[in-house]
N, C-alpha and C. Protein backbone atom coordinates (compact mmCIF):
# COMPACT_ATOMS: atom_id res chain seq x y z
N MET A 1 10.98 2.60 1.14
CA MET A 1 9.89 2.40 2.07
C MET A 1 8.54 2.54 1.36
N LYS A 2 8.44 3.53 0.46
CA LYS A 2 7.17 3.73 -0.24
C LYS A 2 6.82 2.51 -1.09
N ARG A 3 7.83 1.86 -1.66
CA ARG A 3 7.58 0.68 -2.48
C ARG A 3 6.94 -0.43 -1.64
N GLY A 4 7.42 -0.62 -0.42
CA GLY A 4 6.84 -1.62 0.47
C GLY A 4 5.41 -1.27 0.86
N VAL A 5 5.17 0.00 1.10
CA VAL A 5 3.82 0.47 1.43
C VAL A 5 2.90 0.25 0.23
N LEU A 6 3.39 0.57 -0.95
CA LEU A 6 2.59 0.40 -2.16
C LEU A 6 2.29 -1.08 -2.39
N GLN A 7 3.27 -1.94 -2.18
CA GLN A 7 3.05 -3.38 -2.36
C GLN A 7 1.96 -3.88 -1.42
N LEU A 8 2.01 -3.47 -0.16
CA LEU A 8 0.99 -3.88 0.81
C LEU A 8 -0.38 -3.32 0.43
N ALA A 9 -0.42 -2.08 0.02
CA ALA A 9 -1.70 -1.46 -0.37
C ALA A 9 -2.29 -2.18 -1.58
N VAL A 10 -1.47 -2.47 -2.57
CA VAL A 10 -1.94 -3.15 -3.79
C VAL A 10 -2.46 -4.54 -3.47
N LEU A 11 -1.70 -5.31 -2.70
CA LEU A 11 -2.14 -6.66 -2.34
C LEU A 11 -3.45 -6.61 -1.56
N SER A 12 -3.62 -5.60 -0.74
CA SER A 12 -4.85 -5.47 0.05
C SER A 12 -6.03 -5.05 -0.81
N LEU A 13 -5.82 -4.05 -1.66
CA LEU A 13 -6.91 -3.54 -2.48
C LEU A 13 -7.35 -4.54 -3.55
N LEU A 14 -6.43 -5.37 -4.00
CA LEU A 14 -6.76 -6.28 -5.09
C LEU A 14 -7.32 -7.61 -4.62
N ARG A 15 -7.81 -7.67 -3.40
CA ARG A 15 -8.58 -8.84 -2.98
C ARG A 15 -9.86 -8.89 -3.81
N SER A 16 -10.29 -7.71 -4.28
CA SER A 16 -11.38 -7.61 -5.25
C SER A 16 -10.74 -7.16 -6.56
N PRO A 17 -11.10 -7.77 -7.68
CA PRO A 17 -10.47 -7.42 -8.96
C PRO A 17 -10.62 -5.94 -9.30
N SER A 18 -9.56 -5.38 -9.85
CA SER A 18 -9.57 -3.98 -10.28
C SER A 18 -8.52 -3.80 -11.37
N TYR A 19 -8.63 -2.72 -12.10
CA TYR A 19 -7.66 -2.42 -13.15
C TYR A 19 -6.79 -1.25 -12.71
N GLY A 20 -5.68 -1.08 -13.39
CA GLY A 20 -4.66 -0.13 -12.98
C GLY A 20 -5.12 1.29 -12.76
N TYR A 21 -5.86 1.87 -13.71
CA TYR A 21 -6.27 3.26 -13.59
C TYR A 21 -7.19 3.46 -12.38
N ASP A 22 -8.10 2.51 -12.17
CA ASP A 22 -8.99 2.59 -11.01
C ASP A 22 -8.17 2.50 -9.72
N LEU A 23 -7.19 1.64 -9.71
CA LEU A 23 -6.32 1.48 -8.56
C LEU A 23 -5.57 2.78 -8.25
N LEU A 24 -5.10 3.46 -9.29
CA LEU A 24 -4.43 4.76 -9.09
C LEU A 24 -5.36 5.75 -8.39
N ASN A 25 -6.63 5.77 -8.82
CA ASN A 25 -7.59 6.68 -8.20
C ASN A 25 -7.87 6.32 -6.75
N VAL A 26 -8.04 5.04 -6.47
CA VAL A 26 -8.30 4.60 -5.09
C VAL A 26 -7.12 4.93 -4.19
N LEU A 27 -5.91 4.66 -4.67
CA LEU A 27 -4.72 4.97 -3.89
C LEU A 27 -4.61 6.47 -3.63
N GLY A 28 -4.87 7.27 -4.66
CA GLY A 28 -4.80 8.73 -4.51
C GLY A 28 -5.82 9.24 -3.50
N THR A 29 -7.03 8.73 -3.57
CA THR A 29 -8.09 9.13 -2.64
C THR A 29 -7.71 8.76 -1.21
N ALA A 30 -7.01 7.64 -1.06
CA ALA A 30 -6.60 7.18 0.27
C ALA A 30 -5.38 7.95 0.79
N GLY A 31 -4.79 8.81 -0.04
CA GLY A 31 -3.62 9.58 0.40
C GLY A 31 -2.30 8.99 -0.04
N LEU A 32 -2.34 7.96 -0.88
CA LEU A 32 -1.11 7.34 -1.39
C LEU A 32 -0.98 7.64 -2.88
N ARG A 33 -0.89 8.91 -3.20
CA ARG A 33 -0.80 9.32 -4.60
C ARG A 33 0.39 8.61 -5.25
N THR A 34 0.11 7.96 -6.37
CA THR A 34 1.10 7.14 -7.06
C THR A 34 1.04 7.44 -8.55
N GLU A 35 2.18 7.45 -9.18
CA GLU A 35 2.25 7.69 -10.62
C GLU A 35 2.11 6.36 -11.36
N GLU A 36 1.60 6.43 -12.60
CA GLU A 36 1.47 5.24 -13.43
C GLU A 36 2.81 4.53 -13.58
N GLY A 37 3.87 5.31 -13.76
CA GLY A 37 5.21 4.75 -13.95
C GLY A 37 5.74 4.03 -12.73
N THR A 38 5.09 4.21 -11.60
CA THR A 38 5.46 3.48 -10.37
C THR A 38 4.55 2.28 -10.19
N LEU A 39 3.25 2.47 -10.39
CA LEU A 39 2.28 1.41 -10.13
C LEU A 39 2.40 0.23 -11.08
N TYR A 40 2.44 0.50 -12.38
CA TYR A 40 2.40 -0.59 -13.34
C TYR A 40 3.59 -1.55 -13.24
N PRO A 41 4.81 -1.06 -13.02
CA PRO A 41 5.91 -2.02 -12.79
C PRO A 41 5.70 -2.87 -11.54
N VAL A 42 5.10 -2.29 -10.49
CA VAL A 42 4.81 -3.06 -9.28
C VAL A 42 3.78 -4.14 -9.59
N LEU A 43 2.74 -3.80 -10.34
CA LEU A 43 1.74 -4.79 -10.72
C LEU A 43 2.37 -5.93 -11.52
N ARG A 44 3.21 -5.59 -12.50
CA ARG A 44 3.86 -6.63 -13.32
C ARG A 44 4.79 -7.50 -12.47
N ARG A 45 5.53 -6.88 -11.55
CA ARG A 45 6.44 -7.66 -10.70
C ARG A 45 5.67 -8.60 -9.79
N LEU A 46 4.59 -8.09 -9.17
CA LEU A 46 3.80 -8.93 -8.28
C LEU A 46 3.14 -10.08 -9.04
N GLU A 47 2.75 -9.81 -10.28
CA GLU A 47 2.16 -10.88 -11.11
C GLU A 47 3.23 -11.91 -11.46
N LYS A 48 4.41 -11.45 -11.83
CA LYS A 48 5.51 -12.36 -12.17
C LYS A 48 5.88 -13.24 -10.97
N GLU A 49 5.78 -12.68 -9.76
CA GLU A 49 6.10 -13.42 -8.54
C GLU A 49 4.95 -14.34 -8.10
N GLY A 50 3.83 -14.30 -8.82
CA GLY A 50 2.70 -15.16 -8.49
C GLY A 50 1.81 -14.62 -7.38
N LEU A 51 1.98 -13.36 -7.02
CA LEU A 51 1.19 -12.76 -5.94
C LEU A 51 -0.09 -12.13 -6.47
N LEU A 52 -0.11 -11.84 -7.77
CA LEU A 52 -1.30 -11.34 -8.45
C LEU A 52 -1.54 -12.20 -9.68
N GLU A 53 -2.80 -12.23 -10.10
CA GLU A 53 -3.14 -12.82 -11.39
C GLU A 53 -3.95 -11.78 -12.14
N SER A 54 -3.97 -11.89 -13.46
CA SER A 54 -4.69 -10.88 -14.25
C SER A 54 -5.54 -11.55 -15.31
N GLU A 55 -6.49 -10.77 -15.79
CA GLU A 55 -7.41 -11.23 -16.82
C GLU A 55 -7.87 -10.02 -17.62
N TRP A 56 -7.86 -10.13 -18.94
CA TRP A 56 -8.32 -9.05 -19.79
C TRP A 56 -9.83 -9.08 -19.91
N ASP A 57 -10.44 -7.92 -19.82
CA ASP A 57 -11.87 -7.77 -20.07
C ASP A 57 -12.00 -6.93 -21.33
N THR A 58 -12.51 -7.54 -22.39
CA THR A 58 -12.64 -6.84 -23.66
C THR A 58 -14.10 -6.54 -23.99
N SER A 59 -14.98 -6.67 -23.01
CA SER A 59 -16.40 -6.47 -23.27
C SER A 59 -16.79 -5.00 -23.36
N GLY A 60 -15.99 -4.12 -22.79
CA GLY A 60 -16.31 -2.69 -22.81
C GLY A 60 -15.75 -2.00 -24.04
N SER A 61 -15.84 -0.68 -24.04
CA SER A 61 -15.36 0.09 -25.19
C SER A 61 -13.84 0.06 -25.30
N ARG A 62 -13.16 -0.14 -24.18
CA ARG A 62 -11.70 -0.28 -24.22
C ARG A 62 -11.30 -1.46 -23.34
N PRO A 63 -10.38 -2.27 -23.82
CA PRO A 63 -9.94 -3.44 -23.04
C PRO A 63 -9.28 -3.00 -21.73
N ARG A 64 -9.55 -3.73 -20.68
CA ARG A 64 -8.93 -3.45 -19.38
C ARG A 64 -8.37 -4.74 -18.80
N LYS A 65 -7.20 -4.60 -18.20
CA LYS A 65 -6.57 -5.75 -17.55
C LYS A 65 -6.89 -5.66 -16.07
N TYR A 66 -7.65 -6.63 -15.60
CA TYR A 66 -8.03 -6.69 -14.19
C TYR A 66 -7.05 -7.57 -13.43
N TYR A 67 -6.62 -7.08 -12.27
CA TYR A 67 -5.71 -7.82 -11.40
C TYR A 67 -6.46 -8.25 -10.15
N ARG A 68 -6.01 -9.36 -9.58
CA ARG A 68 -6.56 -9.80 -8.30
C ARG A 68 -5.46 -10.56 -7.55
N THR A 69 -5.51 -10.49 -6.24
CA THR A 69 -4.54 -11.15 -5.38
C THR A 69 -4.76 -12.66 -5.41
N THR A 70 -3.67 -13.40 -5.52
CA THR A 70 -3.73 -14.86 -5.49
C THR A 70 -3.69 -15.34 -4.03
N ASP A 71 -3.83 -16.64 -3.82
CA ASP A 71 -3.69 -17.19 -2.47
C ASP A 71 -2.31 -16.87 -1.91
N SER A 72 -1.28 -17.00 -2.74
CA SER A 72 0.08 -16.66 -2.30
C SER A 72 0.18 -15.18 -1.95
N GLY A 73 -0.47 -14.35 -2.74
CA GLY A 73 -0.47 -12.91 -2.48
C GLY A 73 -1.15 -12.57 -1.17
N ARG A 74 -2.23 -13.29 -0.86
CA ARG A 74 -2.93 -13.06 0.41
C ARG A 74 -2.04 -13.47 1.59
N ALA A 75 -1.29 -14.56 1.42
CA ALA A 75 -0.37 -14.99 2.48
C ALA A 75 0.73 -13.95 2.69
N VAL A 76 1.26 -13.41 1.61
CA VAL A 76 2.28 -12.36 1.71
C VAL A 76 1.68 -11.12 2.35
N GLN A 77 0.45 -10.78 1.97
CA GLN A 77 -0.22 -9.61 2.55
C GLN A 77 -0.32 -9.76 4.07
N VAL A 78 -0.74 -10.92 4.55
CA VAL A 78 -0.86 -11.15 5.99
C VAL A 78 0.49 -10.97 6.67
N ALA A 79 1.55 -11.50 6.06
CA ALA A 79 2.89 -11.36 6.64
C ALA A 79 3.34 -9.90 6.64
N LEU A 80 3.04 -9.17 5.57
CA LEU A 80 3.42 -7.76 5.50
C LEU A 80 2.66 -6.92 6.52
N ILE A 81 1.39 -7.26 6.76
CA ILE A 81 0.62 -6.54 7.78
C ILE A 81 1.25 -6.74 9.15
N ALA A 82 1.64 -7.96 9.46
CA ALA A 82 2.29 -8.24 10.76
C ALA A 82 3.61 -7.48 10.87
N GLU A 83 4.38 -7.47 9.78
CA GLU A 83 5.66 -6.75 9.78
C GLU A 83 5.43 -5.25 9.94
N TRP A 84 4.43 -4.72 9.23
CA TRP A 84 4.10 -3.29 9.32
C TRP A 84 3.70 -2.94 10.76
N ALA A 85 2.89 -3.77 11.39
CA ALA A 85 2.45 -3.51 12.76
C ALA A 85 3.64 -3.48 13.72
N ALA A 86 4.59 -4.38 13.53
CA ALA A 86 5.78 -4.41 14.39
C ALA A 86 6.62 -3.14 14.20
N VAL A 87 6.81 -2.73 12.96
CA VAL A 87 7.57 -1.51 12.68
C VAL A 87 6.85 -0.29 13.24
N ASP A 88 5.52 -0.26 13.08
CA ASP A 88 4.73 0.85 13.61
C ASP A 88 4.86 0.95 15.13
N ARG A 89 4.75 -0.18 15.82
CA ARG A 89 4.91 -0.17 17.29
C ARG A 89 6.29 0.33 17.69
N ALA A 90 7.32 -0.13 16.99
CA ALA A 90 8.68 0.29 17.32
C ALA A 90 8.86 1.79 17.09
N LEU A 91 8.34 2.29 15.99
CA LEU A 91 8.48 3.72 15.71
C LEU A 91 7.70 4.56 16.71
N VAL A 92 6.51 4.13 17.08
CA VAL A 92 5.73 4.84 18.10
C VAL A 92 6.52 4.89 19.41
N ASN A 93 7.16 3.78 19.78
CA ASN A 93 7.97 3.75 21.01
C ASN A 93 9.11 4.75 20.93
N VAL A 94 9.77 4.81 19.78
CA VAL A 94 10.88 5.75 19.61
C VAL A 94 10.37 7.18 19.69
N LEU A 95 9.29 7.47 18.98
CA LEU A 95 8.75 8.84 18.98
C LEU A 95 8.26 9.25 20.37
N ASP A 96 7.63 8.33 21.08
CA ASP A 96 7.19 8.64 22.44
C ASP A 96 8.38 8.91 23.35
N ARG A 97 9.44 8.17 23.17
CA ARG A 97 10.63 8.32 24.01
C ARG A 97 11.28 9.69 23.82
N VAL A 98 11.27 10.20 22.61
CA VAL A 98 11.92 11.48 22.36
C VAL A 98 10.93 12.64 22.35
N GLY A 99 9.68 12.37 22.69
CA GLY A 99 8.69 13.44 22.73
C GLY A 99 8.26 13.91 21.35
N GLY A 100 8.34 13.02 20.38
CA GLY A 100 8.00 13.40 19.01
C GLY A 100 6.54 13.22 18.67
N ARG A 101 5.71 12.86 19.66
CA ARG A 101 4.28 12.67 19.39
C ARG A 101 3.47 13.40 20.45
N THR A 102 2.30 13.89 20.06
CA THR A 102 1.38 14.50 21.00
C THR A 102 0.42 13.42 21.48
N ASN A 103 -0.45 13.73 22.38
CA ASN A 103 -1.41 12.75 22.91
C ASN A 103 -2.32 12.17 21.85
N ASP A 104 -2.61 12.94 20.79
CA ASP A 104 -3.51 12.43 19.75
C ASP A 104 -2.76 11.64 18.68
N GLY A 105 -1.46 11.45 18.86
CA GLY A 105 -0.68 10.65 17.92
C GLY A 105 -0.06 11.46 16.80
N ALA A 106 -0.37 12.75 16.72
CA ALA A 106 0.20 13.59 15.66
C ALA A 106 1.60 14.03 16.06
N ASP A 107 2.37 14.42 15.06
CA ASP A 107 3.70 14.94 15.35
C ASP A 107 3.59 16.20 16.17
N ALA A 108 4.43 16.32 17.17
CA ALA A 108 4.44 17.53 18.01
C ALA A 108 5.13 18.66 17.26
N ASP A 109 4.67 19.86 17.49
CA ASP A 109 5.28 21.03 16.91
C ASP A 109 6.59 21.30 17.66
N PRO A 110 7.73 21.25 16.96
CA PRO A 110 9.01 21.44 17.64
C PRO A 110 9.11 22.78 18.35
N GLU A 111 8.40 23.80 17.87
CA GLU A 111 8.45 25.12 18.49
C GLU A 111 7.75 25.14 19.83
N SER A 112 6.78 24.23 20.04
CA SER A 112 6.00 24.25 21.28
C SER A 112 6.61 23.38 22.38
N ARG A 113 7.64 22.60 22.03
CA ARG A 113 8.25 21.74 23.04
C ARG A 113 9.29 22.53 23.83
N SER A 114 9.38 22.20 25.11
CA SER A 114 10.42 22.86 25.92
C SER A 114 11.69 22.04 25.83
N SER A 115 12.82 22.67 26.02
CA SER A 115 14.11 21.98 25.90
C SER A 115 14.48 21.26 27.15
């Protein structure tokens, strides 16, 4: 499941070009802490599938490979957002049915629920 979330996050964030280390920081700040050993294979796979394209920037003190979402990647991103929304609605329905959510959408404390 995390791999699918990471794929959607990467495709979304890379609508603007960015390099791997910066992407790790943005993901971490957003609450999706990811290791280099997880992110870089995802970037390579998405590039191989034609969902990302990359370009080396050698103008700075250290070369950086910048990635950006392709048109195909944007189409996949849109489809993944729709799929995510459907799964989210279904899970909310399940959690509401079993009393697993409070009014603010947070998980209910099992100790505070009556049997």
